[in-house]
N, C-alpha and C. Protein backbone atom coordinates (compact mmCIF):
# COMPACT_ATOMS: atom_id res chain seq x y z
N MET A 1 0.77 -1.54 -0.21
CA MET A 1 -0.10 0.17 0.17
C MET A 1 0.68 1.42 -0.35
N LEU A 2 1.72 1.16 0.74
CA LEU A 2 2.99 2.23 0.92
C LEU A 2 3.52 2.60 -0.34
N ASN A 3 3.85 1.87 -1.33
CA ASN A 3 4.23 2.17 -2.64
C ASN A 3 3.30 2.59 -3.45
N VAL A 4 2.03 2.02 -3.37
CA VAL A 4 1.01 2.72 -4.47
C VAL A 4 0.98 4.01 -3.83
N ILE A 5 1.05 4.78 -2.70
CA ILE A 5 0.95 5.92 -2.62
C ILE A 5 1.68 6.89 -2.75
N LYS A 6 3.31 6.31 -2.86
CA LYS A 6 4.36 6.61 -3.46
C LYS A 6 4.44 6.76 -4.65
N ILE A 7 3.61 5.76 -5.63
CA ILE A 7 3.68 6.31 -7.11
C ILE A 7 2.70 6.99 -7.34
N LEU A 8 1.76 6.88 -6.70
CA LEU A 8 0.76 8.25 -6.73
C LEU A 8 1.01 9.66 -6.51
N LEU A 9 1.86 9.70 -5.67
CA LEU A 9 2.41 11.01 -5.12
C LEU A 9 3.35 11.43 -6.56
N PHE A 10 4.12 10.64 -6.54
CA PHE A 10 5.13 10.61 -7.88
C PHE A 10 4.42 11.21 -9.37
N LEU A 11 2.99 10.30 -9.57
CA LEU A 11 2.71 11.08 -10.57
C LEU A 11 1.55 12.19 -10.78
N GLY A 12 1.25 12.53 -9.20
CA GLY A 12 0.56 13.70 -9.11
C GLY A 12 1.67 15.02 -9.19
N VAL A 13 2.77 14.98 -8.55
CA VAL A 13 4.02 15.88 -8.93
C VAL A 13 4.45 16.42 -9.86
N ASN A 14 4.47 15.24 -10.58
CA ASN A 14 4.78 15.31 -12.18
C ASN A 14 3.58 16.16 -13.00
N ALA A 15 2.32 15.31 -12.90
CA ALA A 15 1.40 16.41 -13.46
C ALA A 15 1.36 17.71 -13.38
N ALA A 16 1.58 18.07 -12.13
CA ALA A 16 1.54 19.27 -11.47
C ALA A 16 2.71 20.06 -12.00
N GLY A 17 3.87 19.70 -12.16
CA GLY A 17 5.06 20.17 -12.64
C GLY A 17 4.94 20.66 -14.22
N TRP A 18 4.39 19.44 -15.14
CA TRP A 18 3.67 19.98 -16.41
C TRP A 18 3.28 21.42 -16.44
N PHE A 19 2.72 21.83 -15.60
CA PHE A 19 1.91 23.16 -15.65
C PHE A 19 2.49 24.29 -14.94
N THR A 20 4.19 23.92 -14.31
CA THR A 20 4.74 25.13 -13.37
C THR A 20 4.92 26.12 -14.20
N VAL A 21 5.54 25.83 -15.95
CA VAL A 21 5.91 27.33 -16.72
C VAL A 21 4.73 28.23 -16.98
N SER A 22 3.90 27.70 -17.33
CA SER A 22 2.52 28.59 -17.67
C SER A 22 2.20 29.46 -16.68
N THR A 23 2.07 28.24 -15.43
CA THR A 23 1.31 28.69 -14.39
C THR A 23 2.42 30.06 -13.74
N THR A 24 3.32 30.00 -13.79
CA THR A 24 4.44 30.76 -13.26
C THR A 24 4.57 32.29 -14.13
N TYR A 25 4.29 31.99 -15.16
CA TYR A 25 4.23 32.65 -16.43
C TYR A 25 2.94 33.84 -16.18
N VAL A 26 1.64 33.12 -15.67
CA VAL A 26 0.47 33.76 -15.57
C VAL A 26 0.32 34.20 -14.33
N LEU A 27 1.09 34.05 -13.45
CA LEU A 27 1.19 34.60 -12.08
C LEU A 27 1.89 35.82 -12.54
N LEU A 28 3.32 35.63 -13.42
CA LEU A 28 3.71 36.74 -13.23
C LEU A 28 3.44 37.93 -13.99
N THR A 29 2.34 37.53 -14.97
CA THR A 29 2.09 38.43 -15.31
C THR A 29 0.60 38.91 -14.87
N LYS A 30 -0.14 38.54 -14.14
CA LYS A 30 -0.85 38.71 -13.20
C LYS A 30 -0.66 39.96 -12.08
N MET A 31 1.05 40.06 -11.75
CA MET A 31 1.36 41.06 -11.12
C MET A 31 2.54 41.81 -11.63
N ASN A 32 2.14 41.79 -13.02
CA ASN A 32 2.62 42.78 -13.98
C ASN A 32 4.06 42.88 -13.70
N LEU A 33 4.73 41.73 -13.54
CA LEU A 33 6.39 41.59 -13.38
C LEU A 33 6.68 41.01 -14.73
N ILE A 34 6.11 40.71 -15.92
CA ILE A 34 6.61 40.41 -16.97
C ILE A 34 6.84 41.79 -17.90
N PRO A 35 8.21 41.78 -18.29
CA PRO A 35 8.96 43.26 -18.89
C PRO A 35 8.21 43.14 -20.42
N ASN A 36 8.31 44.66 -21.06
CA ASN A 36 7.65 44.55 -22.28
C ASN A 36 8.74 44.44 -23.54
N ILE A 37 8.44 43.53 -23.81
CA ILE A 37 10.11 43.21 -24.70
C ILE A 37 9.91 43.19 -26.17
N GLU A 38 11.01 44.13 -26.54
CA GLU A 38 11.00 44.70 -27.36
C GLU A 38 11.02 43.92 -28.89
N GLU A 39 10.29 44.43 -29.72
CA GLU A 39 10.12 43.25 -31.18
C GLU A 39 11.17 42.64 -31.77
N GLN A 40 12.29 42.56 -31.36
CA GLN A 40 13.49 41.85 -31.92
C GLN A 40 13.61 40.77 -30.92
N TYR A 41 13.58 40.87 -29.77
CA TYR A 41 13.72 39.61 -29.04
C TYR A 41 12.41 39.04 -28.40
N LEU A 42 11.19 39.35 -28.69
CA LEU A 42 10.57 38.79 -28.98
C LEU A 42 10.17 37.14 -29.54
N PRO A 43 10.84 36.68 -30.60
CA PRO A 43 10.95 35.55 -31.00
C PRO A 43 11.70 34.53 -29.78
N THR A 44 13.05 35.11 -29.31
CA THR A 44 13.81 34.70 -28.74
C THR A 44 12.79 34.33 -27.56
N ALA A 45 12.21 35.41 -26.71
CA ALA A 45 11.59 35.09 -25.60
C ALA A 45 10.75 34.38 -25.52
N GLN A 46 9.95 34.44 -26.53
CA GLN A 46 8.64 33.03 -26.47
C GLN A 46 9.55 31.91 -26.93
N GLN A 47 10.46 31.32 -27.49
CA GLN A 47 11.54 30.31 -27.47
C GLN A 47 11.74 29.76 -26.21
N LEU A 48 12.40 30.70 -25.46
CA LEU A 48 13.03 30.52 -23.96
C LEU A 48 11.77 29.91 -23.34
N TYR A 49 10.71 31.08 -23.18
CA TYR A 49 9.82 30.72 -22.35
C TYR A 49 8.59 29.46 -22.78
N PHE A 50 8.53 29.30 -23.64
CA PHE A 50 7.68 28.35 -24.38
C PHE A 50 7.92 26.94 -24.66
N PHE A 51 9.44 26.68 -25.22
CA PHE A 51 9.88 25.56 -25.76
C PHE A 51 10.99 24.88 -24.53
N VAL A 52 11.83 26.07 -24.30
CA VAL A 52 13.06 25.01 -23.60
C VAL A 52 12.33 25.00 -22.04
N GLY A 53 11.55 25.54 -21.55
CA GLY A 53 10.60 25.54 -20.12
C GLY A 53 10.22 23.90 -20.40
N PRO A 54 9.29 23.25 -20.92
CA PRO A 54 8.91 22.35 -21.02
C PRO A 54 9.84 20.74 -21.03
N LEU A 55 11.26 21.49 -21.82
CA LEU A 55 12.59 20.55 -22.13
C LEU A 55 12.83 20.49 -20.49
N ILE A 56 13.29 21.75 -19.95
CA ILE A 56 13.46 21.48 -18.48
C ILE A 56 12.58 20.57 -17.54
N TYR A 57 11.55 20.46 -17.69
CA TYR A 57 10.47 19.98 -17.05
C TYR A 57 10.61 18.46 -17.33
N ILE A 58 10.86 18.05 -18.48
CA ILE A 58 10.93 16.40 -18.80
C ILE A 58 12.30 16.14 -18.36
N ALA A 59 13.40 17.24 -18.25
CA ALA A 59 14.54 16.53 -17.69
C ALA A 59 14.34 16.37 -16.12
N MET A 60 13.63 17.29 -15.48
CA MET A 60 13.78 17.33 -14.00
C MET A 60 12.31 15.87 -13.51
N ALA A 61 11.79 15.58 -14.86
CA ALA A 61 10.60 14.51 -14.26
C ALA A 61 11.95 13.28 -14.35
N ILE A 62 12.61 13.17 -15.15
CA ILE A 62 13.18 12.01 -15.32
C ILE A 62 14.17 12.09 -14.05
N VAL A 63 15.00 13.05 -13.60
CA VAL A 63 15.57 12.99 -12.26
C VAL A 63 14.99 12.91 -11.22
N SER A 64 13.25 13.02 -11.34
CA SER A 64 12.61 12.77 -10.27
C SER A 64 12.12 11.38 -9.89
N VAL A 65 12.58 10.42 -11.02
CA VAL A 65 12.89 9.07 -10.82
C VAL A 65 13.41 8.70 -9.26
N GLY A 66 14.56 9.35 -9.33
CA GLY A 66 15.42 9.02 -8.24
C GLY A 66 14.81 9.12 -6.95
N TYR A 67 13.58 9.58 -6.67
CA TYR A 67 12.92 9.68 -5.54
C TYR A 67 12.82 8.25 -5.07
N PHE A 68 12.44 7.07 -5.88
CA PHE A 68 12.40 5.79 -5.51
C PHE A 68 13.47 5.25 -5.43
N PHE A 69 14.57 6.03 -5.15
CA PHE A 69 15.98 5.23 -4.91
C PHE A 69 17.00 5.90 -3.87
N ALA A 70 16.73 7.33 -3.82
CA ALA A 70 17.53 7.98 -3.03
C ALA A 70 17.60 7.98 -1.44
N PRO A 71 18.75 8.30 -0.94
CA PRO A 71 18.27 8.25 0.62
C PRO A 71 17.03 9.06 1.05
N LYS A 72 16.54 9.24 2.33
CA LYS A 72 15.67 9.94 2.92
C LYS A 72 15.75 11.15 3.14
N GLU A 73 17.07 11.95 3.05
CA GLU A 73 17.29 13.11 3.19
C GLU A 73 16.82 14.11 1.73
N TRP A 74 16.95 12.80 0.52
CA TRP A 74 17.11 13.94 -0.82
C TRP A 74 15.44 13.73 -1.27
N ARG A 75 14.85 12.85 -0.83
CA ARG A 75 13.59 11.96 -1.50
C ARG A 75 12.85 13.60 -2.26
N ALA A 76 12.61 14.19 -0.99
CA ALA A 76 11.85 15.20 -0.98
C ALA A 76 11.68 16.43 -2.19
N TRP A 77 13.26 16.61 -2.19
CA TRP A 77 14.05 17.43 -3.34
C TRP A 77 13.92 16.99 -4.83
N LEU A 78 14.62 15.57 -4.62
CA LEU A 78 14.10 14.83 -5.86
C LEU A 78 12.58 14.83 -6.57
N LEU A 79 11.63 14.44 -5.61
CA LEU A 79 10.32 14.44 -5.83
C LEU A 79 9.97 15.80 -6.42
N LEU A 80 9.87 16.88 -5.95
CA LEU A 80 9.64 18.50 -6.18
C LEU A 80 10.29 19.05 -7.13
N ALA A 81 11.54 18.24 -7.70
CA ALA A 81 12.22 19.01 -8.59
C ALA A 81 11.47 19.21 -9.79
N PRO A 82 10.60 18.33 -10.69
CA PRO A 82 9.82 18.94 -11.70
C PRO A 82 8.81 20.04 -11.74
N ILE A 83 8.46 20.58 -9.95
CA ILE A 83 7.84 22.11 -10.00
C ILE A 83 8.73 23.03 -9.84
N TYR A 84 9.80 22.91 -8.70
CA TYR A 84 10.78 23.90 -8.40
C TYR A 84 11.60 24.59 -9.71
N VAL A 85 12.38 23.53 -9.97
CA VAL A 85 13.28 24.05 -10.99
C VAL A 85 12.44 24.95 -12.27
N PRO A 86 11.67 24.13 -13.00
CA PRO A 86 11.05 24.78 -13.81
C PRO A 86 10.78 26.45 -13.58
N ALA A 87 10.07 26.24 -11.90
CA ALA A 87 9.51 27.64 -11.92
C ALA A 87 10.83 28.85 -11.49
N LEU A 88 11.58 28.11 -11.08
CA LEU A 88 12.85 29.12 -11.02
C LEU A 88 13.64 29.41 -12.05
N TYR A 89 13.24 28.57 -13.09
CA TYR A 89 13.81 28.57 -14.77
C TYR A 89 12.93 30.03 -14.96
N THR A 90 11.60 29.80 -14.82
CA THR A 90 11.03 31.09 -15.66
C THR A 90 11.07 32.56 -14.58
N ILE A 91 11.38 32.51 -13.52
CA ILE A 91 11.42 33.64 -12.86
C ILE A 91 12.92 33.88 -13.21
N GLY A 92 14.06 33.35 -13.38
CA GLY A 92 15.34 33.63 -13.76
C GLY A 92 15.21 34.41 -15.37
N LEU A 93 14.23 33.64 -16.15
CA LEU A 93 14.37 34.45 -17.55
C LEU A 93 13.74 35.50 -17.62
N THR A 94 12.87 35.94 -16.34
CA THR A 94 11.64 37.15 -16.62
C THR A 94 12.83 38.11 -16.13
N ALA A 95 13.65 37.75 -14.67
CA ALA A 95 14.52 38.68 -14.60
C ALA A 95 15.44 39.03 -15.51
N TYR A 96 16.39 37.85 -16.07
CA TYR A 96 17.21 38.35 -17.66
C TYR A 96 16.40 39.39 -18.42
N PHE A 97 14.83 39.17 -19.03
CA PHE A 97 14.40 39.78 -19.80
C PHE A 97 14.04 41.46 -19.34
N HIS A 98 14.11 41.60 -17.97
CA HIS A 98 14.09 42.77 -17.37
C HIS A 98 15.14 44.01 -17.86
N TYR A 99 16.51 43.10 -17.88
CA TYR A 99 17.51 43.92 -18.00
C TYR A 99 18.30 43.93 -19.47
N VAL A 100 17.35 43.21 -20.31
CA VAL A 100 17.80 43.28 -21.59
C VAL A 100 17.71 44.33 -22.64
């Protein structure tokens, strides 16, 4: 029964992680933190937000499989990696475009 709970937790966190980049982008937009990107940088910004972000999620979803094999002190970090790493990427990218 404990393994079923671990697997369901793993699948739930990875499902939530898929929406992290878009959710973070929407929250930053609602807080008026998305900068006005110049026309020449707009295609690059769109690619970095909406193409690279999901690739980072996929990489972190693979890393989060280590949740099942890691020592106890690393499990939470590995399990939540598909959520916090893409969120930090999106926030960092937004900060970058504030200064470009």
